[in-house]
Amino acid sequence: MNKAHFIDTNGNPAGGTTSGVGFAIGWQNGPLNKGDEKMPRNGAFVEDIISAAKDRLEFYQESKFCCDYNAEAIKHLESAINVLNSRTANREKRGVEGTHEV
């Protein structure tokens, strides 16, 4: 796997790339901001990649490769997505979603 993770002058995550055989990810660079200043996305979020892996395993589950291991992995990926969605909901509630504010 090849990876390059960048930070801005304030030490905040600032995009990057992760790639390997058969995949290349360009990560979101910077916050999306909020309200009238909302910016379009320019890269992937972790949730996107987890969802893609979950989708692939669900595809396997519809084939002769259906198995308990895939089902268990899907449950863990769903749990990860739920935790990250809870983080987003918490940030929205605190009014800091779309910013670098912690």
PDB file of N, CA and C in Angstrom:
ATOM      1  N   MET A   1       0.855  -1.173   0.000  1.00  0.00           N
ATOM      2  CA  MET A   1       0.000   0.000   0.000  1.00  0.00           C
ATOM      3  C   MET A   1       0.897   1.231   0.000  1.00  0.00           C
ATOM      4  N   ASN A   2       0.509   2.217  -0.791  1.00  0.00           N
ATOM      5  CA  ASN A   2       1.194   3.507  -0.846  1.00  0.00           C
ATOM      6  C   ASN A   2       0.290   4.538  -0.205  1.00  0.00           C
ATOM      7  N   LYS A   3       0.870   5.416   0.588  1.00  0.00           N
ATOM      8  CA  LYS A   3       0.053   6.424   1.251  1.00  0.00           C
ATOM      9  C   LYS A   3       0.833   7.720   1.385  1.00  0.00           C
ATOM     10  N   ALA A   4       0.093   8.806   1.323  1.00  0.00           N
ATOM     11  CA  ALA A   4       0.639  10.143   1.544  1.00  0.00           C
ATOM     12  C   ALA A   4      -0.464  10.949   2.207  1.00  0.00           C
ATOM     13  N   HIS A   5      -0.284  11.251   3.466  1.00  0.00           N
ATOM     14  CA  HIS A   5      -1.271  12.024   4.217  1.00  0.00           C
ATOM     15  C   HIS A   5      -0.666  13.396   4.507  1.00  0.00           C
ATOM     16  N   PHE A   6      -1.427  14.444   4.233  1.00  0.00           N
ATOM     17  CA  PHE A   6      -0.911  15.804   4.351  1.00  0.00           C
ATOM     18  C   PHE A   6      -1.598  16.564   5.477  1.00  0.00           C
ATOM     19  N   ILE A   7      -0.902  17.565   5.998  1.00  0.00           N
ATOM     20  CA  ILE A   7      -1.475  18.469   6.987  1.00  0.00           C
ATOM     21  C   ILE A   7      -1.285  19.902   6.494  1.00  0.00           C
ATOM     22  N   ASP A   8      -2.190  20.783   6.936  1.00  0.00           N
ATOM     23  CA  ASP A   8      -2.053  22.188   6.565  1.00  0.00           C
ATOM     24  C   ASP A   8      -1.112  22.897   7.551  1.00  0.00           C
ATOM     25  N   THR A   9      -0.968  24.188   7.408  1.00  0.00           N
ATOM     26  CA  THR A   9      -0.043  24.939   8.255  1.00  0.00           C
ATOM     27  C   THR A   9      -0.478  24.978   9.716  1.00  0.00           C
ATOM     28  N   ASN A  10      -1.741  24.634   9.991  1.00  0.00           N
ATOM     29  CA  ASN A  10      -2.246  24.588  11.366  1.00  0.00           C
ATOM     30  C   ASN A  10      -2.233  23.179  11.951  1.00  0.00           C
ATOM     31  N   GLY A  11      -1.706  22.214  11.208  1.00  0.00           N
ATOM     32  CA  GLY A  11      -1.657  20.837  11.689  1.00  0.00           C
ATOM     33  C   GLY A  11      -2.929  20.048  11.464  1.00  0.00           C
ATOM     34  N   ASN A  12      -3.833  20.574  10.646  1.00  0.00           N
ATOM     35  CA  ASN A  12      -5.092  19.888  10.350  1.00  0.00           C
ATOM     36  C   ASN A  12      -4.926  18.950   9.157  1.00  0.00           C
ATOM     37  N   PRO A  13      -5.705  17.852   9.100  1.00  0.00           N
ATOM     38  CA  PRO A  13      -5.670  16.978   7.933  1.00  0.00           C
ATOM     39  C   PRO A  13      -5.971  17.780   6.659  1.00  0.00           C
ATOM     40  N   ALA A  14      -5.173  17.533   5.622  1.00  0.00           N
ATOM     41  CA  ALA A  14      -5.326  18.289   4.375  1.00  0.00           C
ATOM     42  C   ALA A  14      -5.251  17.365   3.167  1.00  0.00           C
ATOM     43  N   GLY A  15      -6.047  16.334   3.186  1.00  0.00           N
ATOM     44  CA  GLY A  15      -6.106  15.444   2.040  1.00  0.00           C
ATOM     45  C   GLY A  15      -4.937  14.482   1.989  1.00  0.00           C
ATOM     46  N   GLY A  16      -4.769  13.914   0.832  1.00  0.00           N
ATOM     47  CA  GLY A  16      -3.726  12.929   0.618  1.00  0.00           C
ATOM     48  C   GLY A  16      -4.243  11.829  -0.272  1.00  0.00           C
ATOM     49  N   THR A  17      -3.456  10.781  -0.358  1.00  0.00           N
ATOM     50  CA  THR A  17      -3.824   9.650  -1.204  1.00  0.00           C
ATOM     51  C   THR A  17      -3.458   8.340  -0.516  1.00  0.00           C
ATOM     52  N   THR A  18      -4.192   7.317  -0.844  1.00  0.00           N
ATOM     53  CA  THR A  18      -3.874   5.954  -0.444  1.00  0.00           C
ATOM     54  C   THR A  18      -4.160   5.080  -1.656  1.00  0.00           C
ATOM     55  N   SER A  19      -3.215   4.229  -2.012  1.00  0.00           N
ATOM     56  CA  SER A  19      -3.428   3.362  -3.177  1.00  0.00           C
ATOM     57  C   SER A  19      -2.768   2.018  -2.962  1.00  0.00           C
ATOM     58  N   GLY A  20      -3.228   1.086  -3.736  1.00  0.00           N
ATOM     59  CA  GLY A  20      -2.684  -0.263  -3.720  1.00  0.00           C
ATOM     60  C   GLY A  20      -3.134  -0.953  -4.989  1.00  0.00           C
ATOM     61  N   VAL A  21      -2.891  -2.216  -5.073  1.00  0.00           N
ATOM     62  CA  VAL A  21      -3.282  -2.962  -6.267  1.00  0.00           C
ATOM     63  C   VAL A  21      -4.796  -2.862  -6.426  1.00  0.00           C
ATOM     64  N   GLY A  22      -5.232  -2.272  -7.519  1.00  0.00           N
ATOM     65  CA  GLY A  22      -6.654  -2.201  -7.834  1.00  0.00           C
ATOM     66  C   GLY A  22      -7.424  -1.064  -7.187  1.00  0.00           C
ATOM     67  N   PHE A  23      -6.758  -0.175  -6.438  1.00  0.00           N
ATOM     68  CA  PHE A  23      -7.510   0.942  -5.863  1.00  0.00           C
ATOM     69  C   PHE A  23      -6.629   2.185  -5.703  1.00  0.00           C
ATOM     70  N   ALA A  24      -7.272   3.332  -5.787  1.00  0.00           N
ATOM     71  CA  ALA A  24      -6.609   4.616  -5.552  1.00  0.00           C
ATOM     72  C   ALA A  24      -7.633   5.552  -4.927  1.00  0.00           C
ATOM     73  N   ILE A  25      -7.300   6.093  -3.761  1.00  0.00           N
ATOM     74  CA  ILE A  25      -8.207   6.980  -3.032  1.00  0.00           C
ATOM     75  C   ILE A  25      -7.576   8.356  -2.935  1.00  0.00           C
ATOM     76  N   GLY A  26      -8.339   9.374  -3.307  1.00  0.00           N
ATOM     77  CA  GLY A  26      -7.959  10.762  -3.059  1.00  0.00           C
ATOM     78  C   GLY A  26      -8.812  11.252  -1.898  1.00  0.00           C
ATOM     79  N   TRP A  27      -8.169  11.566  -0.758  1.00  0.00           N
ATOM     80  CA  TRP A  27      -8.912  11.945   0.445  1.00  0.00           C
ATOM     81  C   TRP A  27      -9.352  13.402   0.396  1.00  0.00           C
ATOM     82  N   GLN A  28     -10.462  13.684   1.072  1.00  0.00           N
ATOM     83  CA  GLN A  28     -10.983  15.047   1.197  1.00  0.00           C
ATOM     84  C   GLN A  28      -9.873  15.969   1.697  1.00  0.00           C
ATOM     85  N   ASN A  29      -9.738  17.104   1.028  1.00  0.00           N
ATOM     86  CA  ASN A  29      -8.752  18.105   1.429  1.00  0.00           C
ATOM     87  C   ASN A  29      -9.483  19.296   2.021  1.00  0.00           C
ATOM     88  N   GLY A  30      -9.424  19.436   3.330  1.00  0.00           N
ATOM     89  CA  GLY A  30     -10.024  20.577   4.011  1.00  0.00           C
ATOM     90  C   GLY A  30     -11.466  20.352   4.398  1.00  0.00           C
ATOM     91  N   PRO A  31     -11.955  21.222   5.278  1.00  0.00           N
ATOM     92  CA  PRO A  31     -13.354  21.117   5.714  1.00  0.00           C
ATOM     93  C   PRO A  31     -14.300  21.594   4.627  1.00  0.00           C
ATOM     94  N   LEU A  32     -15.552  21.199   4.746  1.00  0.00           N
ATOM     95  CA  LEU A  32     -16.566  21.607   3.765  1.00  0.00           C
ATOM     96  C   LEU A  32     -17.180  22.964   4.097  1.00  0.00           C
ATOM     97  N   ASN A  33     -16.907  23.458   5.296  1.00  0.00           N
ATOM     98  CA  ASN A  33     -17.530  24.688   5.793  1.00  0.00           C
ATOM     99  C   ASN A  33     -19.020  24.458   5.991  1.00  0.00           C
ATOM    100  N   LYS A  34     -19.746  25.511   6.302  1.00  0.00           N
ATOM    101  CA  LYS A  34     -21.176  25.354   6.555  1.00  0.00           C
ATOM    102  C   LYS A  34     -21.941  26.558   6.052  1.00  0.00           C
ATOM    103  N   GLY A  35     -23.259  26.387   5.991  1.00  0.00           N
ATOM    104  CA  GLY A  35     -24.141  27.467   5.546  1.00  0.00           C
ATOM    105  C   GLY A  35     -23.838  27.923   4.141  1.00  0.00           C
ATOM    106  N   ASP A  36     -23.858  29.246   3.929  1.00  0.00           N
ATOM    107  CA  ASP A  36     -23.619  29.826   2.608  1.00  0.00           C
ATOM    108  C   ASP A  36     -22.187  29.620   2.120  1.00  0.00           C
ATOM    109  N   GLU A  37     -21.287  29.276   3.027  1.00  0.00           N
ATOM    110  CA  GLU A  37     -19.881  29.087   2.671  1.00  0.00           C
ATOM    111  C   GLU A  37     -19.546  27.623   2.382  1.00  0.00           C
ATOM    112  N   LYS A  38     -20.584  26.762   2.332  1.00  0.00           N
ATOM    113  CA  LYS A  38     -20.351  25.328   2.121  1.00  0.00           C
ATOM    114  C   LYS A  38     -19.646  25.103   0.786  1.00  0.00           C
ATOM    115  N   MET A  39     -18.605  24.277   0.849  1.00  0.00           N
ATOM    116  CA  MET A  39     -17.787  23.972  -0.322  1.00  0.00           C
ATOM    117  C   MET A  39     -18.170  22.592  -0.867  1.00  0.00           C
ATOM    118  N   PRO A  40     -17.942  22.363  -2.160  1.00  0.00           N
ATOM    119  CA  PRO A  40     -18.171  21.017  -2.694  1.00  0.00           C
ATOM    120  C   PRO A  40     -17.073  20.066  -2.222  1.00  0.00           C
ATOM    121  N   ARG A  41     -17.403  18.806  -2.148  1.00  0.00           N
ATOM    122  CA  ARG A  41     -16.416  17.794  -1.780  1.00  0.00           C
ATOM    123  C   ARG A  41     -15.350  17.706  -2.862  1.00  0.00           C
ATOM    124  N   ASN A  42     -14.119  17.415  -2.438  1.00  0.00           N
ATOM    125  CA  ASN A  42     -13.041  17.254  -3.410  1.00  0.00           C
ATOM    126  C   ASN A  42     -12.310  15.920  -3.234  1.00  0.00           C
ATOM    127  N   GLY A  43     -12.832  15.076  -2.357  1.00  0.00           N
ATOM    128  CA  GLY A  43     -12.201  13.785  -2.123  1.00  0.00           C
ATOM    129  C   GLY A  43     -13.081  12.875  -1.293  1.00  0.00           C
ATOM    130  N   ALA A  44     -12.572  11.700  -1.034  1.00  0.00           N
ATOM    131  CA  ALA A  44     -13.313  10.674  -0.290  1.00  0.00           C
ATOM    132  C   ALA A  44     -13.218  10.901   1.210  1.00  0.00           C
ATOM    133  N   PHE A  45     -14.262  10.485   1.913  1.00  0.00           N
ATOM    134  CA  PHE A  45     -14.267  10.419   3.364  1.00  0.00           C
ATOM    135  C   PHE A  45     -14.095   8.957   3.759  1.00  0.00           C
ATOM    136  N   VAL A  46     -13.638   8.719   4.967  1.00  0.00           N
ATOM    137  CA  VAL A  46     -13.449   7.350   5.458  1.00  0.00           C
ATOM    138  C   VAL A  46     -14.751   6.555   5.321  1.00  0.00           C
ATOM    139  N   GLU A  47     -15.887   7.204   5.623  1.00  0.00           N
ATOM    140  CA  GLU A  47     -17.176   6.531   5.529  1.00  0.00           C
ATOM    141  C   GLU A  47     -17.447   6.002   4.119  1.00  0.00           C
ATOM    142  N   ASP A  48     -17.006   6.735   3.105  1.00  0.00           N
ATOM    143  CA  ASP A  48     -17.197   6.299   1.719  1.00  0.00           C
ATOM    144  C   ASP A  48     -16.492   4.976   1.452  1.00  0.00           C
ATOM    145  N   ILE A  49     -15.277   4.864   1.950  1.00  0.00           N
ATOM    146  CA  ILE A  49     -14.470   3.682   1.686  1.00  0.00           C
ATOM    147  C   ILE A  49     -15.004   2.481   2.464  1.00  0.00           C
ATOM    148  N   ILE A  50     -15.412   2.719   3.705  1.00  0.00           N
ATOM    149  CA  ILE A  50     -16.010   1.633   4.484  1.00  0.00           C
ATOM    150  C   ILE A  50     -17.286   1.144   3.795  1.00  0.00           C
ATOM    151  N   SER A  51     -18.095   2.066   3.301  1.00  0.00           N
ATOM    152  CA  SER A  51     -19.331   1.694   2.599  1.00  0.00           C
ATOM    153  C   SER A  51     -19.037   0.889   1.334  1.00  0.00           C
ATOM    154  N   ALA A  52     -17.973   1.239   0.626  1.00  0.00           N
ATOM    155  CA  ALA A  52     -17.594   0.499  -0.580  1.00  0.00           C
ATOM    156  C   ALA A  52     -17.187  -0.927  -0.231  1.00  0.00           C
ATOM    157  N   ALA A  53     -16.421  -1.103   0.841  1.00  0.00           N
ATOM    158  CA  ALA A  53     -16.010  -2.447   1.265  1.00  0.00           C
ATOM    159  C   ALA A  53     -17.234  -3.258   1.691  1.00  0.00           C
ATOM    160  N   LYS A  54     -18.142  -2.627   2.414  1.00  0.00           N
ATOM    161  CA  LYS A  54     -19.375  -3.302   2.840  1.00  0.00           C
ATOM    162  C   LYS A  54     -20.182  -3.738   1.623  1.00  0.00           C
ATOM    163  N   ASP A  55     -20.302  -2.868   0.637  1.00  0.00           N
ATOM    164  CA  ASP A  55     -21.038  -3.191  -0.584  1.00  0.00           C
ATOM    165  C   ASP A  55     -20.432  -4.401  -1.286  1.00  0.00           C
ATOM    166  N   ARG A  56     -19.114  -4.476  -1.333  1.00  0.00           N
ATOM    167  CA  ARG A  56     -18.463  -5.603  -2.001  1.00  0.00           C
ATOM    168  C   ARG A  56     -18.741  -6.914  -1.260  1.00  0.00           C
ATOM    169  N   LEU A  57     -18.666  -6.867   0.067  1.00  0.00           N
ATOM    170  CA  LEU A  57     -18.962  -8.076   0.840  1.00  0.00           C
ATOM    171  C   LEU A  57     -20.423  -8.497   0.682  1.00  0.00           C
ATOM    172  N   GLU A  58     -21.332  -7.532   0.607  1.00  0.00           N
ATOM    173  CA  GLU A  58     -22.745  -7.860   0.377  1.00  0.00           C
ATOM    174  C   GLU A  58     -22.920  -8.516  -0.993  1.00  0.00           C
ATOM    175  N   PHE A  59     -22.141  -8.082  -1.978  1.00  0.00           N
ATOM    176  CA  PHE A  59     -22.152  -8.716  -3.291  1.00  0.00           C
ATOM    177  C   PHE A  59     -21.703 -10.180  -3.175  1.00  0.00           C
ATOM    178  N   TYR A  60     -20.645 -10.422  -2.398  1.00  0.00           N
ATOM    179  CA  TYR A  60     -20.194 -11.797  -2.182  1.00  0.00           C
ATOM    180  C   TYR A  60     -21.286 -12.627  -1.511  1.00  0.00           C
ATOM    181  N   GLN A  61     -22.011 -12.013  -0.609  1.00  0.00           N
ATOM    182  CA  GLN A  61     -23.059 -12.734   0.119  1.00  0.00           C
ATOM    183  C   GLN A  61     -24.198 -13.170  -0.792  1.00  0.00           C
ATOM    184  N   GLU A  62     -24.294 -12.573  -1.964  1.00  0.00           N
ATOM    185  CA  GLU A  62     -25.320 -12.961  -2.941  1.00  0.00           C
ATOM    186  C   GLU A  62     -24.791 -13.994  -3.931  1.00  0.00           C
ATOM    187  N   SER A  63     -23.624 -14.543  -3.635  1.00  0.00           N
ATOM    188  CA  SER A  63     -22.993 -15.503  -4.545  1.00  0.00           C
ATOM    189  C   SER A  63     -22.654 -16.805  -3.812  1.00  0.00           C
ATOM    190  N   LYS A  64     -21.948 -17.673  -4.498  1.00  0.00           N
ATOM    191  CA  LYS A  64     -21.523 -18.931  -3.874  1.00  0.00           C
ATOM    192  C   LYS A  64     -20.487 -18.701  -2.774  1.00  0.00           C
ATOM    193  N   PHE A  65     -20.007 -17.464  -2.635  1.00  0.00           N
ATOM    194  CA  PHE A  65     -19.027 -17.134  -1.602  1.00  0.00           C
ATOM    195  C   PHE A  65     -19.680 -16.629  -0.312  1.00  0.00           C
ATOM    196  N   CYS A  66     -20.991 -16.781  -0.226  1.00  0.00           N
ATOM    197  CA  CYS A  66     -21.727 -16.406   0.982  1.00  0.00           C
ATOM    198  C   CYS A  66     -21.199 -17.229   2.156  1.00  0.00           C
ATOM    199  N   CYS A  67     -20.866 -16.544   3.263  1.00  0.00           N
ATOM    200  CA  CYS A  67     -20.377 -17.273   4.427  1.00  0.00           C
ATOM    201  C   CYS A  67     -20.524 -16.429   5.699  1.00  0.00           C
ATOM    202  N   ASP A  68     -20.378 -17.092   6.832  1.00  0.00           N
ATOM    203  CA  ASP A  68     -20.489 -16.414   8.121  1.00  0.00           C
ATOM    204  C   ASP A  68     -19.395 -15.370   8.312  1.00  0.00           C
ATOM    205  N   TYR A  69     -18.222 -15.592   7.759  1.00  0.00           N
ATOM    206  CA  TYR A  69     -17.134 -14.626   7.903  1.00  0.00           C
ATOM    207  C   TYR A  69     -17.495 -13.289   7.251  1.00  0.00           C
ATOM    208  N   ASN A  70     -18.040 -13.367   6.037  1.00  0.00           N
ATOM    209  CA  ASN A  70     -18.474 -12.141   5.359  1.00  0.00           C
ATOM    210  C   ASN A  70     -19.566 -11.447   6.158  1.00  0.00           C
ATOM    211  N   ALA A  71     -20.517 -12.222   6.663  1.00  0.00           N
ATOM    212  CA  ALA A  71     -21.616 -11.644   7.449  1.00  0.00           C
ATOM    213  C   ALA A  71     -21.082 -10.927   8.686  1.00  0.00           C
ATOM    214  N   GLU A  72     -20.109 -11.541   9.346  1.00  0.00           N
ATOM    215  CA  GLU A  72     -19.502 -10.927  10.537  1.00  0.00           C
ATOM    216  C   GLU A  72     -18.758  -9.645  10.160  1.00  0.00           C
ATOM    217  N   ALA A  73     -18.017  -9.683   9.074  1.00  0.00           N
ATOM    218  CA  ALA A  73     -17.293  -8.495   8.620  1.00  0.00           C
ATOM    219  C   ALA A  73     -18.268  -7.362   8.288  1.00  0.00           C
ATOM    220  N   ILE A  74     -19.386  -7.690   7.649  1.00  0.00           N
ATOM    221  CA  ILE A  74     -20.406  -6.688   7.322  1.00  0.00           C
ATOM    222  C   ILE A  74     -20.926  -6.031   8.596  1.00  0.00           C
ATOM    223  N   LYS A  75     -21.173  -6.833   9.631  1.00  0.00           N
ATOM    224  CA  LYS A  75     -21.647  -6.273  10.910  1.00  0.00           C
ATOM    225  C   LYS A  75     -20.643  -5.270  11.477  1.00  0.00           C
ATOM    226  N   HIS A  76     -19.362  -5.598  11.397  1.00  0.00           N
ATOM    227  CA  HIS A  76     -18.330  -4.694  11.927  1.00  0.00           C
ATOM    228  C   HIS A  76     -18.237  -3.417  11.092  1.00  0.00           C
ATOM    229  N   LEU A  77     -18.358  -3.546   9.788  1.00  0.00           N
ATOM    230  CA  LEU A  77     -18.324  -2.361   8.936  1.00  0.00           C
ATOM    231  C   LEU A  77     -19.542  -1.478   9.204  1.00  0.00           C
ATOM    232  N   GLU A  78     -20.710  -2.099   9.395  1.00  0.00           N
ATOM    233  CA  GLU A  78     -21.913  -1.335   9.739  1.00  0.00           C
ATOM    234  C   GLU A  78     -21.725  -0.609  11.068  1.00  0.00           C
ATOM    235  N   SER A  79     -21.085  -1.271  12.016  1.00  0.00           N
ATOM    236  CA  SER A  79     -20.817  -0.654  13.313  1.00  0.00           C
ATOM    237  C   SER A  79     -19.892   0.550  13.150  1.00  0.00           C
ATOM    238  N   ALA A  80     -18.869   0.407  12.344  1.00  0.00           N
ATOM    239  CA  ALA A  80     -17.950   1.520  12.097  1.00  0.00           C
ATOM    240  C   ALA A  80     -18.685   2.700  11.458  1.00  0.00           C
ATOM    241  N   ILE A  81     -19.540   2.419  10.479  1.00  0.00           N
ATOM    242  CA  ILE A  81     -20.319   3.479   9.833  1.00  0.00           C
ATOM    243  C   ILE A  81     -21.220   4.163  10.852  1.00  0.00           C
ATOM    244  N   ASN A  82     -21.872   3.383  11.706  1.00  0.00           N
ATOM    245  CA  ASN A  82     -22.762   3.961  12.725  1.00  0.00           C
ATOM    246  C   ASN A  82     -22.000   4.858  13.698  1.00  0.00           C
ATOM    247  N   VAL A  83     -20.813   4.428  14.118  1.00  0.00           N
ATOM    248  CA  VAL A  83     -20.011   5.234  15.040  1.00  0.00           C
ATOM    249  C   VAL A  83     -19.597   6.548  14.374  1.00  0.00           C
ATOM    250  N   LEU A  84     -19.167   6.475  13.136  1.00  0.00           N
ATOM    251  CA  LEU A  84     -18.764   7.696  12.434  1.00  0.00           C
ATOM    252  C   LEU A  84     -19.958   8.615  12.182  1.00  0.00           C
ATOM    253  N   ASN A  85     -21.132   8.046  11.898  1.00  0.00           N
ATOM    254  CA  ASN A  85     -22.336   8.871  11.750  1.00  0.00           C
ATOM    255  C   ASN A  85     -22.713   9.530  13.073  1.00  0.00           C
ATOM    256  N   SER A  86     -22.505   8.830  14.187  1.00  0.00           N
ATOM    257  CA  SER A  86     -22.761   9.420  15.510  1.00  0.00           C
ATOM    258  C   SER A  86     -21.806  10.577  15.770  1.00  0.00           C
ATOM    259  N   ARG A  87     -20.555  10.410  15.366  1.00  0.00           N
ATOM    260  CA  ARG A  87     -19.580  11.500  15.500  1.00  0.00           C
ATOM    261  C   ARG A  87     -20.042  12.721  14.725  1.00  0.00           C
ATOM    262  N   THR A  88     -20.499  12.516  13.494  1.00  0.00           N
ATOM    263  CA  THR A  88     -20.982  13.624  12.674  1.00  0.00           C
ATOM    264  C   THR A  88     -22.187  14.293  13.320  1.00  0.00           C
ATOM    265  N   ALA A  89     -23.131  13.495  13.810  1.00  0.00           N
ATOM    266  CA  ALA A  89     -24.323  14.047  14.468  1.00  0.00           C
ATOM    267  C   ALA A  89     -23.926  14.873  15.688  1.00  0.00           C
ATOM    268  N   ASN A  90     -22.962  14.396  16.452  1.00  0.00           N
ATOM    269  CA  ASN A  90     -22.483  15.134  17.621  1.00  0.00           C
ATOM    270  C   ASN A  90     -21.850  16.454  17.200  1.00  0.00           C
ATOM    271  N   ARG A  91     -21.044  16.430  16.143  1.00  0.00           N
ATOM    272  CA  ARG A  91     -20.406  17.664  15.653  1.00  0.00           C
ATOM    273  C   ARG A  91     -21.460  18.643  15.139  1.00  0.00           C
ATOM    274  N   GLU A  92     -22.489  18.124  14.461  1.00  0.00           N
ATOM    275  CA  GLU A  92     -23.577  18.996  13.992  1.00  0.00           C
ATOM    276  C   GLU A  92     -24.294  19.633  15.171  1.00  0.00           C
ATOM    277  N   LYS A  93     -24.569  18.841  16.197  1.00  0.00           N
ATOM    278  CA  LYS A  93     -25.253  19.340  17.388  1.00  0.00           C
ATOM    279  C   LYS A  93     -24.442  20.441  18.065  1.00  0.00           C
ATOM    280  N   ARG A  94     -23.120  20.283  18.070  1.00  0.00           N
ATOM    281  CA  ARG A  94     -22.256  21.282  18.700  1.00  0.00           C
ATOM    282  C   ARG A  94     -21.943  22.459  17.779  1.00  0.00           C
ATOM    283  N   GLY A  95     -22.387  22.377  16.506  1.00  0.00           N
ATOM    284  CA  GLY A  95     -22.180  23.466  15.559  1.00  0.00           C
ATOM    285  C   GLY A  95     -20.771  23.560  15.010  1.00  0.00           C
ATOM    286  N   VAL A  96     -20.035  22.438  15.030  1.00  0.00           N
ATOM    287  CA  VAL A  96     -18.665  22.461  14.523  1.00  0.00           C
ATOM    288  C   VAL A  96     -18.465  21.582  13.271  1.00  0.00           C
ATOM    289  N   GLU A  97     -19.519  20.904  12.834  1.00  0.00           N
ATOM    290  CA  GLU A  97     -19.397  20.080  11.617  1.00  0.00           C
ATOM    291  C   GLU A  97     -19.089  20.990  10.445  1.00  0.00           C
ATOM    292  N   GLY A  98     -18.203  20.538   9.568  1.00  0.00           N
ATOM    293  CA  GLY A  98     -17.801  21.326   8.403  1.00  0.00           C
ATOM    294  C   GLY A  98     -16.666  22.284   8.694  1.00  0.00           C
ATOM    295  N   THR A  99     -16.077  22.163   9.893  1.00  0.00           N
ATOM    296  CA  THR A  99     -14.962  23.028  10.281  1.00  0.00           C
ATOM    297  C   THR A  99     -13.820  22.154  10.821  1.00  0.00           C
ATOM    298  N   HIS A 100     -12.708  22.778  11.100  1.00  0.00           N
ATOM    299  CA  HIS A 100     -11.598  22.062  11.750  1.00  0.00           C
ATOM    300  C   HIS A 100     -11.689  22.180  13.266  1.00  0.00           C
ATOM    301  N   GLU A 101     -12.727  22.828  13.755  1.00  0.00           N
ATOM    302  CA  GLU A 101     -12.878  22.957  15.201  1.00  0.00           C
ATOM    303  C   GLU A 101     -13.146  21.590  15.822  1.00  0.00           C
ATOM    304  N   VAL A 102     -12.513  21.342  16.948  1.00  0.00           N
ATOM    305  CA  VAL A 102     -12.673  20.072  17.654  1.00  0.00           C
ATOM    306  C   VAL A 102     -13.810  20.243  18.630  1.00  0.00           C
TER     307      VAL A 102
END
